[in-house]
Amino acid sequence: MPTKHDPERRQSRRFRFTSIIRIREGEHLHDCKIIDLSLRGFRARCPSGWRPPSGAHFTVEWRVADIIKLDMQADVIRVKNGVIGCQWQAHDAESSAHLEHLIKISRLRKDTWKRELKGK
């Protein structure tokens, strides 16, 4: 389901997608909960005690249903109330295809996307 957007910042449609992503910042790993995502970026809730600064660059490791694995670069664009807004950076064609597939299935009903992720 599309979420309301901030017309000053967002230029692409975002969709809710419940998942955990792992952010690798140097030697440190942080598990964050995705709030919504688009082909251009994502918003995620940070664990307490960790707030990356605006402009930070890191690697995002994302595993969905043990079949989709994405490792992409992202930059922090916005930090507010424990939520980070990030923009995807250059990523490979396979990660792009997986991301597009996740956006597509996020538009489907919950029972349908579970079947999609299982490949049925």
C-alpha atoms as a PDB file:
ATOM      1  CA  MET A   1       0.000   0.000   0.000  1.00  0.00           C
ATOM      2  CA  PRO A   2       1.435   3.390  -0.911  1.00  0.00           C
ATOM      3  CA  THR A   3       2.179   5.655   2.018  1.00  0.00           C
ATOM      4  CA  LYS A   4       1.672   9.389   2.292  1.00  0.00           C
ATOM      5  CA  HIS A   5       4.760  11.175   1.116  1.00  0.00           C
ATOM      6  CA  ASP A   6       6.652  14.297   1.925  1.00  0.00           C
ATOM      7  CA  PRO A   7       6.266  16.332  -1.285  1.00  0.00           C
ATOM      8  CA  GLU A   8       9.467  18.263  -0.514  1.00  0.00           C
ATOM      9  CA  ARG A   9      11.664  15.162  -0.528  1.00  0.00           C
ATOM     10  CA  ARG A  10      10.138  12.093  -2.125  1.00  0.00           C
ATOM     11  CA  GLN A  11       9.897  11.813  -5.841  1.00  0.00           C
ATOM     12  CA  SER A  12       9.064   8.127  -6.231  1.00  0.00           C
ATOM     13  CA  ARG A  13       6.199   6.086  -4.884  1.00  0.00           C
ATOM     14  CA  ARG A  14       6.909   4.182  -1.664  1.00  0.00           C
ATOM     15  CA  PHE A  15       5.339   0.971  -0.445  1.00  0.00           C
ATOM     16  CA  ARG A  16       5.116  -0.571   2.988  1.00  0.00           C
ATOM     17  CA  PHE A  17       7.267  -3.650   3.333  1.00  0.00           C
ATOM     18  CA  THR A  18       7.804  -5.269   6.715  1.00  0.00           C
ATOM     19  CA  SER A  19      11.322  -6.622   6.942  1.00  0.00           C
ATOM     20  CA  ILE A  20      14.593  -6.273   8.800  1.00  0.00           C
ATOM     21  CA  ILE A  21      17.701  -5.001   7.059  1.00  0.00           C
ATOM     22  CA  ARG A  22      21.235  -5.143   8.347  1.00  0.00           C
ATOM     23  CA  ILE A  23      23.326  -2.031   7.946  1.00  0.00           C
ATOM     24  CA  ARG A  24      27.068  -2.520   7.866  1.00  0.00           C
ATOM     25  CA  GLU A  25      28.911   0.566   8.999  1.00  0.00           C
ATOM     26  CA  GLY A  26      32.605  -0.261   9.031  1.00  0.00           C
ATOM     27  CA  GLU A  27      32.975  -3.169  11.461  1.00  0.00           C
ATOM     28  CA  HIS A  28      29.597  -2.529  13.099  1.00  0.00           C
ATOM     29  CA  LEU A  29      26.267  -4.153  12.171  1.00  0.00           C
ATOM     30  CA  HIS A  30      22.879  -2.603  12.943  1.00  0.00           C
ATOM     31  CA  ASP A  31      19.524  -4.351  12.435  1.00  0.00           C
ATOM     32  CA  CYS A  32      16.881  -1.857  11.314  1.00  0.00           C
ATOM     33  CA  LYS A  33      13.187  -2.326  10.582  1.00  0.00           C
ATOM     34  CA  ILE A  34      12.060  -1.174   7.134  1.00  0.00           C
ATOM     35  CA  ILE A  35       9.066   1.152   7.208  1.00  0.00           C
ATOM     36  CA  ASP A  36       8.677   1.620   3.469  1.00  0.00           C
ATOM     37  CA  LEU A  37      10.718   1.419   0.288  1.00  0.00           C
ATOM     38  CA  SER A  38      10.874   2.476  -3.325  1.00  0.00           C
ATOM     39  CA  LEU A  39      13.176   1.950  -6.267  1.00  0.00           C
ATOM     40  CA  ARG A  40      15.081   5.057  -5.137  1.00  0.00           C
ATOM     41  CA  GLY A  41      15.374   4.482  -1.387  1.00  0.00           C
ATOM     42  CA  PHE A  42      13.859   3.380   1.899  1.00  0.00           C
ATOM     43  CA  ARG A  43      12.929   4.496   5.396  1.00  0.00           C
ATOM     44  CA  ALA A  44      13.863   2.377   8.396  1.00  0.00           C
ATOM     45  CA  ARG A  45      13.618   2.527  12.179  1.00  0.00           C
ATOM     46  CA  CYS A  46      17.046   2.380  13.827  1.00  0.00           C
ATOM     47  CA  PRO A  47      17.847   0.403  16.947  1.00  0.00           C
ATOM     48  CA  SER A  48      17.976   2.508  20.113  1.00  0.00           C
ATOM     49  CA  GLY A  49      21.394   3.947  20.747  1.00  0.00           C
ATOM     50  CA  TRP A  50      22.390   4.231  17.078  1.00  0.00           C
ATOM     51  CA  ARG A  51      21.654   7.197  14.835  1.00  0.00           C
ATOM     52  CA  PRO A  52      23.779   7.582  11.715  1.00  0.00           C
ATOM     53  CA  PRO A  53      24.475  11.167  10.695  1.00  0.00           C
ATOM     54  CA  SER A  54      22.886  12.647   7.606  1.00  0.00           C
ATOM     55  CA  GLY A  55      25.232  11.986   4.681  1.00  0.00           C
ATOM     56  CA  ALA A  56      26.568   8.707   6.084  1.00  0.00           C
ATOM     57  CA  HIS A  57      27.328   6.010   3.513  1.00  0.00           C
ATOM     58  CA  PHE A  58      26.972   2.294   4.288  1.00  0.00           C
ATOM     59  CA  THR A  59      26.234  -1.160   2.941  1.00  0.00           C
ATOM     60  CA  VAL A  60      22.750  -2.615   3.304  1.00  0.00           C
ATOM     61  CA  GLU A  61      22.468  -6.395   3.596  1.00  0.00           C
ATOM     62  CA  TRP A  62      18.902  -7.519   3.058  1.00  0.00           C
ATOM     63  CA  ARG A  63      17.631 -11.107   3.109  1.00  0.00           C
ATOM     64  CA  VAL A  64      13.993 -11.728   2.242  1.00  0.00           C
ATOM     65  CA  ALA A  65      12.426 -15.163   2.718  1.00  0.00           C
ATOM     66  CA  ASP A  66      15.879 -16.791   2.424  1.00  0.00           C
ATOM     67  CA  ILE A  67      15.659 -16.596  -1.376  1.00  0.00           C
ATOM     68  CA  ILE A  68      16.255 -12.934  -2.175  1.00  0.00           C
ATOM     69  CA  LYS A  69      19.605 -11.526  -1.153  1.00  0.00           C
ATOM     70  CA  LEU A  70      20.520  -7.931  -1.759  1.00  0.00           C
ATOM     71  CA  ASP A  71      23.745  -6.170  -0.872  1.00  0.00           C
ATOM     72  CA  MET A  72      23.515  -2.520  -1.843  1.00  0.00           C
ATOM     73  CA  GLN A  73      25.050   0.806  -0.975  1.00  0.00           C
ATOM     74  CA  ALA A  74      22.931   3.599   0.516  1.00  0.00           C
ATOM     75  CA  ASP A  75      23.363   7.149   1.737  1.00  0.00           C
ATOM     76  CA  VAL A  76      21.474   8.660   4.669  1.00  0.00           C
ATOM     77  CA  ILE A  77      19.441  11.616   3.445  1.00  0.00           C
ATOM     78  CA  ARG A  78      17.376  12.313   6.547  1.00  0.00           C
ATOM     79  CA  VAL A  79      17.359  11.378  10.250  1.00  0.00           C
ATOM     80  CA  LYS A  80      14.337  12.147  12.416  1.00  0.00           C
ATOM     81  CA  ASN A  81      12.889  10.546  15.570  1.00  0.00           C
ATOM     82  CA  GLY A  82      14.888   7.326  15.200  1.00  0.00           C
ATOM     83  CA  VAL A  83      13.928   6.914  11.528  1.00  0.00           C
ATOM     84  CA  ILE A  84      16.427   7.197   8.696  1.00  0.00           C
ATOM     85  CA  GLY A  85      15.570   8.058   5.124  1.00  0.00           C
ATOM     86  CA  CYS A  86      18.117   6.598   2.721  1.00  0.00           C
ATOM     87  CA  GLN A  87      18.780   6.729  -0.990  1.00  0.00           C
ATOM     88  CA  TRP A  88      20.019   3.650  -2.826  1.00  0.00           C
ATOM     89  CA  GLN A  89      23.302   4.130  -4.632  1.00  0.00           C
ATOM     90  CA  ALA A  90      24.622   2.279  -7.665  1.00  0.00           C
ATOM     91  CA  HIS A  91      23.895  -1.431  -7.437  1.00  0.00           C
ATOM     92  CA  ASP A  92      24.219  -4.400  -9.723  1.00  0.00           C
ATOM     93  CA  ALA A  93      21.558  -5.546 -12.208  1.00  0.00           C
ATOM     94  CA  GLU A  94      20.582  -8.577 -10.096  1.00  0.00           C
ATOM     95  CA  SER A  95      19.939  -6.441  -6.998  1.00  0.00           C
ATOM     96  CA  SER A  96      17.940  -3.984  -9.116  1.00  0.00           C
ATOM     97  CA  ALA A  97      15.801  -6.821 -10.488  1.00  0.00           C
ATOM     98  CA  HIS A  98      15.199  -8.189  -6.979  1.00  0.00           C
ATOM     99  CA  LEU A  99      14.242  -4.733  -5.721  1.00  0.00           C
ATOM    100  CA  GLU A 100      11.802  -4.241  -8.604  1.00  0.00           C
ATOM    101  CA  HIS A 101      10.287  -7.661  -7.847  1.00  0.00           C
ATOM    102  CA  LEU A 102       9.864  -6.754  -4.163  1.00  0.00           C
ATOM    103  CA  ILE A 103       8.114  -3.501  -5.130  1.00  0.00           C
ATOM    104  CA  LYS A 104       5.821  -5.452  -7.448  1.00  0.00           C
ATOM    105  CA  ILE A 105       4.835  -8.020  -4.853  1.00  0.00           C
ATOM    106  CA  SER A 106       4.360  -5.366  -2.167  1.00  0.00           C
ATOM    107  CA  ARG A 107       1.349  -4.227  -4.197  1.00  0.00           C
ATOM    108  CA  LEU A 108      -0.255  -7.656  -3.890  1.00  0.00           C
ATOM    109  CA  ARG A 109      -2.429  -8.970  -1.090  1.00  0.00           C
ATOM    110  CA  LYS A 110      -0.506 -10.516   1.811  1.00  0.00           C
ATOM    111  CA  ASP A 111      -1.430 -14.142   1.000  1.00  0.00           C
ATOM    112  CA  THR A 112      -0.470 -13.629  -2.652  1.00  0.00           C
ATOM    113  CA  TRP A 113       2.961 -12.163  -1.903  1.00  0.00           C
ATOM    114  CA  LYS A 114       3.762 -14.991   0.488  1.00  0.00           C
ATOM    115  CA  ARG A 115       3.147 -17.428  -2.401  1.00  0.00           C
ATOM    116  CA  GLU A 116       5.262 -15.208  -4.704  1.00  0.00           C
ATOM    117  CA  LEU A 117       8.195 -15.314  -2.289  1.00  0.00           C
ATOM    118  CA  LYS A 118       7.937 -19.075  -2.001  1.00  0.00           C
ATOM    119  CA  GLY A 119       7.901 -19.357  -5.799  1.00  0.00           C
ATOM    120  CA  LYS A 120       4.451 -20.958  -6.021  1.00  0.00           C
END
